[in-house]
PDB file of N, CA and C in Angstrom:
ATOM      1  N   MET A   1      -2.129  14.971   9.376  1.00  0.00           N
ATOM      2  CA  MET A   1      -1.029  14.160   8.945  1.00  0.00           C
ATOM      3  C   MET A   1      -1.465  12.717   8.745  1.00  0.00           C
ATOM      4  N   SER A   2      -2.346  12.240   9.607  1.00  0.00           N
ATOM      5  CA  SER A   2      -2.761  10.842   9.509  1.00  0.00           C
ATOM      6  C   SER A   2      -3.526  10.584   8.218  1.00  0.00           C
ATOM      7  N   LEU A   3      -4.313  11.552   7.795  1.00  0.00           N
ATOM      8  CA  LEU A   3      -5.045  11.373   6.546  1.00  0.00           C
ATOM      9  C   LEU A   3      -4.091  11.293   5.365  1.00  0.00           C
ATOM     10  N   TYR A   4      -3.069  12.128   5.358  1.00  0.00           N
ATOM     11  CA  TYR A   4      -2.107  12.111   4.251  1.00  0.00           C
ATOM     12  C   TYR A   4      -1.315  10.809   4.225  1.00  0.00           C
ATOM     13  N   LEU A   5      -0.953  10.301   5.386  1.00  0.00           N
ATOM     14  CA  LEU A   5      -0.246   9.021   5.436  1.00  0.00           C
ATOM     15  C   LEU A   5      -1.133   7.885   4.938  1.00  0.00           C
ATOM     16  N   GLY A   6      -2.414   7.912   5.313  1.00  0.00           N
ATOM     17  CA  GLY A   6      -3.336   6.881   4.853  1.00  0.00           C
ATOM     18  C   GLY A   6      -3.561   6.938   3.356  1.00  0.00           C
ATOM     19  N   VAL A   7      -3.671   8.143   2.818  1.00  0.00           N
ATOM     20  CA  VAL A   7      -3.855   8.291   1.370  1.00  0.00           C
ATOM     21  C   VAL A   7      -2.606   7.829   0.627  1.00  0.00           C
ATOM     22  N   ALA A   8      -1.429   8.152   1.160  1.00  0.00           N
ATOM     23  CA  ALA A   8      -0.191   7.703   0.520  1.00  0.00           C
ATOM     24  C   ALA A   8      -0.088   6.183   0.547  1.00  0.00           C
ATOM     25  N   ALA A   9      -0.465   5.566   1.662  1.00  0.00           N
ATOM     26  CA  ALA A   9      -0.435   4.109   1.757  1.00  0.00           C
ATOM     27  C   ALA A   9      -1.432   3.483   0.790  1.00  0.00           C
ATOM     28  N   ALA A  10      -2.595   4.109   0.643  1.00  0.00           N
ATOM     29  CA  ALA A  10      -3.599   3.578  -0.282  1.00  0.00           C
ATOM     30  C   ALA A  10      -3.174   3.765  -1.730  1.00  0.00           C
ATOM     31  N   ALA A  11      -2.470   4.838  -2.024  1.00  0.00           N
ATOM     32  CA  ALA A  11      -2.050   5.096  -3.407  1.00  0.00           C
ATOM     33  C   ALA A  11      -0.917   4.177  -3.834  1.00  0.00           C
ATOM     34  N   LEU A  12      -0.124   3.688  -2.900  1.00  0.00           N
ATOM     35  CA  LEU A  12       0.998   2.827  -3.267  1.00  0.00           C
ATOM     36  C   LEU A  12       0.557   1.446  -3.750  1.00  0.00           C
ATOM     37  N   ILE A  13      -0.615   0.994  -3.344  1.00  0.00           N
ATOM     38  CA  ILE A  13      -1.077  -0.333  -3.770  1.00  0.00           C
ATOM     39  C   ILE A  13      -1.336  -0.377  -5.274  1.00  0.00           C
ATOM     40  N   PRO A  14      -2.186   0.499  -5.847  1.00  0.00           N
ATOM     41  CA  PRO A  14      -2.370   0.433  -7.302  1.00  0.00           C
ATOM     42  C   PRO A  14      -1.126   0.850  -8.081  1.00  0.00           C
ATOM     43  N   ILE A  15      -0.302   1.738  -7.504  1.00  0.00           N
ATOM     44  CA  ILE A  15       0.932   2.116  -8.182  1.00  0.00           C
ATOM     45  C   ILE A  15       1.833   0.896  -8.322  1.00  0.00           C
ATOM     46  N   GLY A  16       1.901   0.073  -7.296  1.00  0.00           N
ATOM     47  CA  GLY A  16       2.697  -1.145  -7.372  1.00  0.00           C
ATOM     48  C   GLY A  16       2.202  -2.087  -8.441  1.00  0.00           C
ATOM     49  N   PHE A  17       0.894  -2.254  -8.553  1.00  0.00           N
ATOM     50  CA  PHE A  17       0.339  -3.121  -9.592  1.00  0.00           C
ATOM     51  C   PHE A  17       0.593  -2.559 -10.988  1.00  0.00           C
ATOM     52  N   ILE A  18       0.404  -1.255 -11.148  1.00  0.00           N
ATOM     53  CA  ILE A  18       0.569  -0.632 -12.462  1.00  0.00           C
ATOM     54  C   ILE A  18       2.026  -0.688 -12.906  1.00  0.00           C
ATOM     55  N   VAL A  19       2.943  -0.346 -12.016  1.00  0.00           N
ATOM     56  CA  VAL A  19       4.362  -0.354 -12.372  1.00  0.00           C
ATOM     57  C   VAL A  19       4.830  -1.780 -12.658  1.00  0.00           C
ATOM     58  N   GLY A  20       4.371  -2.742 -11.870  1.00  0.00           N
ATOM     59  CA  GLY A  20       4.742  -4.133 -12.118  1.00  0.00           C
ATOM     60  C   GLY A  20       4.234  -4.650 -13.448  1.00  0.00           C
ATOM     61  N   THR A  21       3.008  -4.294 -13.807  1.00  0.00           N
ATOM     62  CA  THR A  21       2.453  -4.706 -15.086  1.00  0.00           C
ATOM     63  C   THR A  21       3.130  -3.984 -16.242  1.00  0.00           C
ATOM     64  N   LEU A  22       3.437  -2.729 -16.046  1.00  0.00           N
ATOM     65  CA  LEU A  22       4.109  -1.951 -17.082  1.00  0.00           C
ATOM     66  C   LEU A  22       5.493  -2.517 -17.383  1.00  0.00           C
ATOM     67  N   GLY A  23       6.148  -3.076 -16.379  1.00  0.00           N
ATOM     68  CA  GLY A  23       7.467  -3.664 -16.576  1.00  0.00           C
ATOM     69  C   GLY A  23       7.464  -4.841 -17.519  1.00  0.00           C
ATOM     70  N   VAL A  24       6.370  -5.589 -17.542  1.00  0.00           N
ATOM     71  CA  VAL A  24       6.272  -6.719 -18.457  1.00  0.00           C
ATOM     72  C   VAL A  24       6.291  -6.228 -19.900  1.00  0.00           C
ATOM     73  N   PHE A  25       5.551  -5.177 -20.169  1.00  0.00           N
ATOM     74  CA  PHE A  25       5.499  -4.656 -21.525  1.00  0.00           C
ATOM     75  C   PHE A  25       6.779  -3.925 -21.914  1.00  0.00           C
ATOM     76  N   LEU A  26       7.381  -3.234 -20.955  1.00  0.00           N
ATOM     77  CA  LEU A  26       8.641  -2.556 -21.237  1.00  0.00           C
ATOM     78  C   LEU A  26       9.776  -3.552 -21.430  1.00  0.00           C
ATOM     79  N   GLY A  27       9.630  -4.736 -20.877  1.00  0.00           N
ATOM     80  CA  GLY A  27      10.650  -5.766 -21.032  1.00  0.00           C
ATOM     81  C   GLY A  27      10.789  -6.252 -22.455  1.00  0.00           C
ATOM     82  N   LEU A  28       9.776  -6.044 -23.273  1.00  0.00           N
ATOM     83  CA  LEU A  28       9.870  -6.421 -24.680  1.00  0.00           C
ATOM     84  C   LEU A  28      10.847  -5.526 -25.430  1.00  0.00           C
ATOM     85  N   ALA A  29      10.953  -4.272 -25.018  1.00  0.00           N
ATOM     86  CA  ALA A  29      11.837  -3.333 -25.702  1.00  0.00           C
ATOM     87  C   ALA A  29      13.191  -3.198 -25.005  1.00  0.00           C
ATOM     88  N   TRP A  30      13.201  -3.303 -23.690  1.00  0.00           N
ATOM     89  CA  TRP A  30      14.437  -3.109 -22.931  1.00  0.00           C
ATOM     90  C   TRP A  30      14.548  -4.227 -21.914  1.00  0.00           C
ATOM     91  N   ARG A  31      15.562  -5.013 -22.012  1.00  0.00           N
ATOM     92  CA  ARG A  31      15.660  -6.249 -21.252  1.00  0.00           C
ATOM     93  C   ARG A  31      15.642  -6.083 -19.731  1.00  0.00           C
ATOM     94  N   PRO A  32      16.346  -5.112 -19.120  1.00  0.00           N
ATOM     95  CA  PRO A  32      16.321  -5.025 -17.652  1.00  0.00           C
ATOM     96  C   PRO A  32      15.092  -4.324 -17.075  1.00  0.00           C
ATOM     97  N   ALA A  33      14.144  -3.921 -17.904  1.00  0.00           N
ATOM     98  CA  ALA A  33      12.973  -3.190 -17.412  1.00  0.00           C
ATOM     99  C   ALA A  33      12.141  -3.981 -16.393  1.00  0.00           C
ATOM    100  N   PRO A  34      11.883  -5.286 -16.593  1.00  0.00           N
ATOM    101  CA  PRO A  34      11.091  -5.997 -15.568  1.00  0.00           C
ATOM    102  C   PRO A  34      11.769  -6.049 -14.206  1.00  0.00           C
ATOM    103  N   LEU A  35      13.087  -6.123 -14.192  1.00  0.00           N
ATOM    104  CA  LEU A  35      13.795  -6.145 -12.910  1.00  0.00           C
ATOM    105  C   LEU A  35      13.668  -4.803 -12.195  1.00  0.00           C
ATOM    106  N   ILE A  36      13.815  -3.721 -12.926  1.00  0.00           N
ATOM    107  CA  ILE A  36      13.736  -2.392 -12.325  1.00  0.00           C
ATOM    108  C   ILE A  36      12.317  -2.088 -11.861  1.00  0.00           C
ATOM    109  N   THR A  37      11.341  -2.342 -12.717  1.00  0.00           N
ATOM    110  CA  THR A  37       9.961  -2.050 -12.329  1.00  0.00           C
ATOM    111  C   THR A  37       9.470  -3.005 -11.247  1.00  0.00           C
ATOM    112  N   GLY A  38       9.968  -4.229 -11.248  1.00  0.00           N
ATOM    113  CA  GLY A  38       9.628  -5.151 -10.166  1.00  0.00           C
ATOM    114  C   GLY A  38      10.165  -4.673  -8.828  1.00  0.00           C
ATOM    115  N   GLY A  39      11.354  -4.091  -8.843  1.00  0.00           N
ATOM    116  CA  GLY A  39      11.912  -3.524  -7.622  1.00  0.00           C
ATOM    117  C   GLY A  39      11.110  -2.337  -7.128  1.00  0.00           C
ATOM    118  N   ILE A  40      10.673  -1.490  -8.053  1.00  0.00           N
ATOM    119  CA  ILE A  40       9.859  -0.336  -7.672  1.00  0.00           C
ATOM    120  C   ILE A  40       8.514  -0.793  -7.118  1.00  0.00           C
ATOM    121  N   ALA A  41       7.903  -1.784  -7.770  1.00  0.00           N
ATOM    122  CA  ALA A  41       6.621  -2.302  -7.288  1.00  0.00           C
ATOM    123  C   ALA A  41       6.782  -2.965  -5.926  1.00  0.00           C
ATOM    124  N   GLY A  42       7.866  -3.703  -5.736  1.00  0.00           N
ATOM    125  CA  GLY A  42       8.126  -4.324  -4.440  1.00  0.00           C
ATOM    126  C   GLY A  42       8.335  -3.296  -3.343  1.00  0.00           C
ATOM    127  N   LEU A  43       9.032  -2.219  -3.676  1.00  0.00           N
ATOM    128  CA  LEU A  43       9.228  -1.144  -2.709  1.00  0.00           C
ATOM    129  C   LEU A  43       7.900  -0.493  -2.336  1.00  0.00           C
ATOM    130  N   ALA A  44       7.004  -0.362  -3.313  1.00  0.00           N
ATOM    131  CA  ALA A  44       5.684   0.209  -3.028  1.00  0.00           C
ATOM    132  C   ALA A  44       4.890  -0.696  -2.096  1.00  0.00           C
ATOM    133  N   PHE A  45       4.944  -2.011  -2.340  1.00  0.00           N
ATOM    134  CA  PHE A  45       4.190  -2.935  -1.494  1.00  0.00           C
ATOM    135  C   PHE A  45       4.799  -3.071  -0.105  1.00  0.00           C
ATOM    136  N   VAL A  46       6.115  -2.923   0.001  1.00  0.00           N
ATOM    137  CA  VAL A  46       6.763  -3.055   1.305  1.00  0.00           C
ATOM    138  C   VAL A  46       6.538  -1.806   2.160  1.00  0.00           C
ATOM    139  N   SER A  47       6.515  -0.633   1.534  1.00  0.00           N
ATOM    140  CA  SER A  47       6.366   0.600   2.304  1.00  0.00           C
ATOM    141  C   SER A  47       4.902   0.923   2.630  1.00  0.00           C
ATOM    142  N   SER A  48       3.967   0.328   1.930  1.00  0.00           N
ATOM    143  CA  SER A  48       2.555   0.620   2.170  1.00  0.00           C
ATOM    144  C   SER A  48       2.082   0.223   3.573  1.00  0.00           C
ATOM    145  N   PRO A  49       2.430  -0.954   4.110  1.00  0.00           N
ATOM    146  CA  PRO A  49       1.987  -1.252   5.479  1.00  0.00           C
ATOM    147  C   PRO A  49       2.587  -0.317   6.518  1.00  0.00           C
ATOM    148  N   GLY A  50       3.826   0.094   6.317  1.00  0.00           N
ATOM    149  CA  GLY A  50       4.437   1.025   7.261  1.00  0.00           C
ATOM    150  C   GLY A  50       3.725   2.362   7.288  1.00  0.00           C
ATOM    151  N   LEU A  51       3.355   2.847   6.118  1.00  0.00           N
ATOM    152  CA  LEU A  51       2.604   4.104   6.056  1.00  0.00           C
ATOM    153  C   LEU A  51       1.209   3.949   6.656  1.00  0.00           C
ATOM    154  N   ALA A  52       0.587   2.783   6.453  1.00  0.00           N
ATOM    155  CA  ALA A  52      -0.740   2.551   7.026  1.00  0.00           C
ATOM    156  C   ALA A  52      -0.676   2.500   8.548  1.00  0.00           C
ATOM    157  N   ILE A  53       0.357   1.861   9.081  1.00  0.00           N
ATOM    158  CA  ILE A  53       0.508   1.804  10.541  1.00  0.00           C
ATOM    159  C   ILE A  53       0.801   3.196  11.092  1.00  0.00           C
ATOM    160  N   ALA A  54       1.605   3.972  10.366  1.00  0.00           N
ATOM    161  CA  ALA A  54       1.873   5.351  10.793  1.00  0.00           C
ATOM    162  C   ALA A  54       0.597   6.187  10.763  1.00  0.00           C
ATOM    163  N   ALA A  55      -0.273   5.938   9.777  1.00  0.00           N
ATOM    164  CA  ALA A  55      -1.550   6.650   9.719  1.00  0.00           C
ATOM    165  C   ALA A  55      -2.437   6.287  10.902  1.00  0.00           C
ATOM    166  N   ILE A  56      -2.424   5.023  11.282  1.00  0.00           N
ATOM    167  CA  ILE A  56      -3.245   4.586  12.416  1.00  0.00           C
ATOM    168  C   ILE A  56      -2.728   5.195  13.718  1.00  0.00           C
ATOM    169  N   VAL A  57      -1.411   5.156  13.909  1.00  0.00           N
ATOM    170  CA  VAL A  57      -0.832   5.696  15.139  1.00  0.00           C
ATOM    171  C   VAL A  57      -1.076   7.201  15.234  1.00  0.00           C
ATOM    172  N   SER A  58      -0.801   7.924  14.150  1.00  0.00           N
ATOM    173  CA  SER A  58      -1.010   9.376  14.202  1.00  0.00           C
ATOM    174  C   SER A  58      -2.499   9.712  14.258  1.00  0.00           C
ATOM    175  N   GLY A  59      -3.355   8.863  13.713  1.00  0.00           N
ATOM    176  CA  GLY A  59      -4.794   9.077  13.835  1.00  0.00           C
ATOM    177  C   GLY A  59      -5.275   8.942  15.269  1.00  0.00           C
ATOM    178  N   HIS A  60      -4.750   7.933  15.973  1.00  0.00           N
ATOM    179  CA  HIS A  60      -5.112   7.784  17.384  1.00  0.00           C
ATOM    180  C   HIS A  60      -4.589   8.956  18.212  1.00  0.00           C
ATOM    181  N   MET A  61      -3.390   9.410  17.897  1.00  0.00           N
ATOM    182  CA  MET A  61      -2.839  10.553  18.629  1.00  0.00           C
ATOM    183  C   MET A  61      -3.659  11.818  18.376  1.00  0.00           C
ATOM    184  N   SER A  62      -4.059  12.052  17.134  1.00  0.00           N
ATOM    185  CA  SER A  62      -4.834  13.264  16.845  1.00  0.00           C
ATOM    186  C   SER A  62      -6.250  13.163  17.395  1.00  0.00           C
ATOM    187  N   ARG A  63      -6.805  11.954  17.441  1.00  0.00           N
ATOM    188  CA  ARG A  63      -8.142  11.806  18.040  1.00  0.00           C
ATOM    189  C   ARG A  63      -8.100  12.082  19.537  1.00  0.00           C
ATOM    190  N   ARG A  64      -6.999  11.742  20.179  1.00  0.00           N
ATOM    191  CA  ARG A  64      -6.871  12.010  21.605  1.00  0.00           C
ATOM    192  C   ARG A  64      -6.660  13.503  21.861  1.00  0.00           C
ATOM    193  N   ARG A  65      -5.846  14.132  21.020  1.00  0.00           N
ATOM    194  CA  ARG A  65      -5.525  15.544  21.247  1.00  0.00           C
ATOM    195  C   ARG A  65      -6.655  16.454  20.775  1.00  0.00           C
ATOM    196  N   TYR A  66      -7.226  16.169  19.602  1.00  0.00           N
ATOM    197  CA  TYR A  66      -8.299  16.997  19.034  1.00  0.00           C
ATOM    198  C   TYR A  66      -9.513  16.107  18.773  1.00  0.00           C
ATOM    199  N   PRO A  67     -10.356  15.863  19.774  1.00  0.00           N
ATOM    200  CA  PRO A  67     -11.454  14.902  19.607  1.00  0.00           C
ATOM    201  C   PRO A  67     -12.549  15.351  18.639  1.00  0.00           C
ATOM    202  N   ASN A  68     -12.665  16.631  18.368  1.00  0.00           N
ATOM    203  CA  ASN A  68     -13.742  17.100  17.503  1.00  0.00           C
ATOM    204  C   ASN A  68     -13.323  17.237  16.041  1.00  0.00           C
ATOM    205  N   GLU A  69     -12.068  17.022  15.728  1.00  0.00           N
ATOM    206  CA  GLU A  69     -11.593  17.125  14.345  1.00  0.00           C
ATOM    207  C   GLU A  69     -11.822  15.808  13.611  1.00  0.00           C
ATOM    208  N   ALA A  70     -12.202  15.903  12.355  1.00  0.00           N
ATOM    209  CA  ALA A  70     -12.538  14.704  11.588  1.00  0.00           C
ATOM    210  C   ALA A  70     -11.344  14.102  10.856  1.00  0.00           C
ATOM    211  N   PHE A  71     -10.241  14.833  10.729  1.00  0.00           N
ATOM    212  CA  PHE A  71      -9.111  14.317   9.979  1.00  0.00           C
ATOM    213  C   PHE A  71      -8.455  13.126  10.666  1.00  0.00           C
ATOM    214  N   GLY A  72      -8.436  13.113  11.975  1.00  0.00           N
ATOM    215  CA  GLY A  72      -7.887  11.967  12.691  1.00  0.00           C
ATOM    216  C   GLY A  72      -8.700  10.712  12.448  1.00  0.00           C
ATOM    217  N   ARG A  73     -10.011  10.860  12.471  1.00  0.00           N
ATOM    218  CA  ARG A  73     -10.891   9.718  12.207  1.00  0.00           C
ATOM    219  C   ARG A  73     -10.744   9.230  10.771  1.00  0.00           C
ATOM    220  N   ALA A  74     -10.613  10.146   9.828  1.00  0.00           N
ATOM    221  CA  ALA A  74     -10.427   9.768   8.426  1.00  0.00           C
ATOM    222  C   ALA A  74      -9.106   9.043   8.227  1.00  0.00           C
ATOM    223  N   GLY A  75      -8.061   9.484   8.918  1.00  0.00           N
ATOM    224  CA  GLY A  75      -6.779   8.794   8.846  1.00  0.00           C
ATOM    225  C   GLY A  75      -6.845   7.406   9.444  1.00  0.00           C
ATOM    226  N   LEU A  76      -7.574   7.264  10.555  1.00  0.00           N
ATOM    227  CA  LEU A  76      -7.760   5.941  11.160  1.00  0.00           C
ATOM    228  C   LEU A  76      -8.479   4.994  10.212  1.00  0.00           C
ATOM    229  N   ILE A  77      -9.554   5.470   9.630  1.00  0.00           N
ATOM    230  CA  ILE A  77     -10.338   4.636   8.723  1.00  0.00           C
ATOM    231  C   ILE A  77      -9.504   4.243   7.517  1.00  0.00           C
ATOM    232  N   THR A  78      -8.802   5.210   6.942  1.00  0.00           N
ATOM    233  CA  THR A  78      -7.983   4.923   5.770  1.00  0.00           C
ATOM    234  C   THR A  78      -6.870   3.938   6.109  1.00  0.00           C
ATOM    235  N   GLY A  79      -6.223   4.122   7.252  1.00  0.00           N
ATOM    236  CA  GLY A  79      -5.153   3.210   7.652  1.00  0.00           C
ATOM    237  C   GLY A  79      -5.650   1.791   7.871  1.00  0.00           C
ATOM    238  N   TYR A  80      -6.777   1.646   8.553  1.00  0.00           N
ATOM    239  CA  TYR A  80      -7.320   0.304   8.784  1.00  0.00           C
ATOM    240  C   TYR A  80      -7.802  -0.345   7.486  1.00  0.00           C
ATOM    241  N   VAL A  81      -8.386   0.444   6.589  1.00  0.00           N
ATOM    242  CA  VAL A  81      -8.839  -0.109   5.303  1.00  0.00           C
ATOM    243  C   VAL A  81      -7.645  -0.579   4.474  1.00  0.00           C
ATOM    244  N   VAL A  82      -6.579   0.204   4.463  1.00  0.00           N
ATOM    245  CA  VAL A  82      -5.385  -0.187   3.707  1.00  0.00           C
ATOM    246  C   VAL A  82      -4.777  -1.458   4.283  1.00  0.00           C
ATOM    247  N   LEU A  83      -4.695  -1.552   5.607  1.00  0.00           N
ATOM    248  CA  LEU A  83      -4.174  -2.782   6.203  1.00  0.00           C
ATOM    249  C   LEU A  83      -5.059  -3.981   5.870  1.00  0.00           C
ATOM    250  N   GLY A  84      -6.371  -3.783   5.880  1.00  0.00           N
ATOM    251  CA  GLY A  84      -7.276  -4.864   5.493  1.00  0.00           C
ATOM    252  C   GLY A  84      -7.093  -5.281   4.043  1.00  0.00           C
ATOM    253  N   LEU A  85      -6.933  -4.305   3.162  1.00  0.00           N
ATOM    254  CA  LEU A  85      -6.690  -4.628   1.750  1.00  0.00           C
ATOM    255  C   LEU A  85      -5.376  -5.367   1.561  1.00  0.00           C
ATOM    256  N   LEU A  86      -4.358  -4.957   2.296  1.00  0.00           N
ATOM    257  CA  LEU A  86      -3.076  -5.645   2.184  1.00  0.00           C
ATOM    258  C   LEU A  86      -3.153  -7.082   2.691  1.00  0.00           C
ATOM    259  N   VAL A  87      -3.942  -7.304   3.733  1.00  0.00           N
ATOM    260  CA  VAL A  87      -4.140  -8.677   4.209  1.00  0.00           C
ATOM    261  C   VAL A  87      -4.872  -9.495   3.153  1.00  0.00           C
ATOM    262  N   LEU A  88      -5.885  -8.909   2.518  1.00  0.00           N
ATOM    263  CA  LEU A  88      -6.606  -9.629   1.464  1.00  0.00           C
ATOM    264  C   LEU A  88      -5.717  -9.917   0.262  1.00  0.00           C
ATOM    265  N   VAL A  89      -4.916  -8.948  -0.154  1.00  0.00           N
ATOM    266  CA  VAL A  89      -4.008  -9.156  -1.284  1.00  0.00           C
ATOM    267  C   VAL A  89      -2.956 -10.198  -0.935  1.00  0.00           C
ATOM    268  N   GLY A  90      -2.439 -10.137   0.287  1.00  0.00           N
ATOM    269  CA  GLY A  90      -1.473 -11.147   0.725  1.00  0.00           C
ATOM    270  C   GLY A  90      -2.082 -12.540   0.762  1.00  0.00           C
ATOM    271  N   GLY A  91      -3.322 -12.633   1.224  1.00  0.00           N
ATOM    272  CA  GLY A  91      -4.014 -13.921   1.217  1.00  0.00           C
ATOM    273  C   GLY A  91      -4.247 -14.447  -0.188  1.00  0.00           C
ATOM    274  N   ALA A  92      -4.581 -13.545  -1.106  1.00  0.00           N
ATOM    275  CA  ALA A  92      -4.772 -13.957  -2.500  1.00  0.00           C
ATOM    276  C   ALA A  92      -3.459 -14.442  -3.106  1.00  0.00           C
ATOM    277  N   PHE A  93      -2.347 -13.768  -2.769  1.00  0.00           N
ATOM    278  CA  PHE A  93      -1.047 -14.220  -3.268  1.00  0.00           C
ATOM    279  C   PHE A  93      -0.680 -15.590  -2.704  1.00  0.00           C
ATOM    280  N   VAL A  94      -0.971 -15.809  -1.432  1.00  0.00           N
ATOM    281  CA  VAL A  94      -0.665 -17.110  -0.825  1.00  0.00           C
ATOM    282  C   VAL A  94      -1.509 -18.204  -1.461  1.00  0.00           C
ATOM    283  N   LEU A  95      -2.797 -17.931  -1.677  1.00  0.00           N
ATOM    284  CA  LEU A  95      -3.651 -18.929  -2.331  1.00  0.00           C
ATOM    285  C   LEU A  95      -3.211 -19.203  -3.757  1.00  0.00           C
ATOM    286  N   ALA A  96      -2.807 -18.180  -4.474  1.00  0.00           N
ATOM    287  CA  ALA A  96      -2.327 -18.380  -5.848  1.00  0.00           C
ATOM    288  C   ALA A  96      -1.031 -19.179  -5.835  1.00  0.00           C
ATOM    289  N   TRP A  97      -0.163 -18.894  -4.883  1.00  0.00           N
ATOM    290  CA  TRP A  97       1.095 -19.634  -4.794  1.00  0.00           C
ATOM    291  C   TRP A  97       0.850 -21.103  -4.463  1.00  0.00           C
ATOM    292  N   LYS A  98      -0.085 -21.360  -3.570  1.00  0.00           N
ATOM    293  CA  LYS A  98      -0.404 -22.748  -3.214  1.00  0.00           C
ATOM    294  C   LYS A  98      -1.045 -23.497  -4.382  1.00  0.00           C
ATOM    295  N   SER A  99      -1.859 -22.790  -5.167  1.00  0.00           N
ATOM    296  CA  SER A  99      -2.517 -23.463  -6.291  1.00  0.00           C
ATOM    297  C   SER A  99      -1.522 -23.732  -7.426  1.00  0.00           C
ATOM    298  N   ILE A 100      -0.494 -22.912  -7.540  1.00  0.00           N
ATOM    299  CA  ILE A 100       0.518 -23.142  -8.576  1.00  0.00           C
ATOM    300  C   ILE A 100       1.378 -24.350  -8.207  1.00  0.00           C
ATOM    301  N   ARG A 101       1.725 -24.451  -6.952  1.00  0.00           N
ATOM    302  CA  ARG A 101       2.571 -25.559  -6.517  1.00  0.00           C
ATOM    303  C   ARG A 101       1.756 -26.809  -6.482  1.00  0.00           C
TER     304      ARG A 101
END
């Protein structure tokens, strides 16, 4: 379970970028498209840390219960990598926001 949660958390990051970018182009043909796709992208970015934390917690639980299985370790690694990527993306957004202001 931890591996699936980590993969889902990792998949939501590029999906958020793709849907957000797609909304800009769809906005040329349909006016409310950027608002809708922006909401979907925001939902993807907001739910990704929760899934990553769930992957880490369930990874630790499975490593304790089944120490010889590799799926718990893979879920832990994926969850920590996703959280690290989200911290880097958040830092890049903060730096971009500061440079704009």
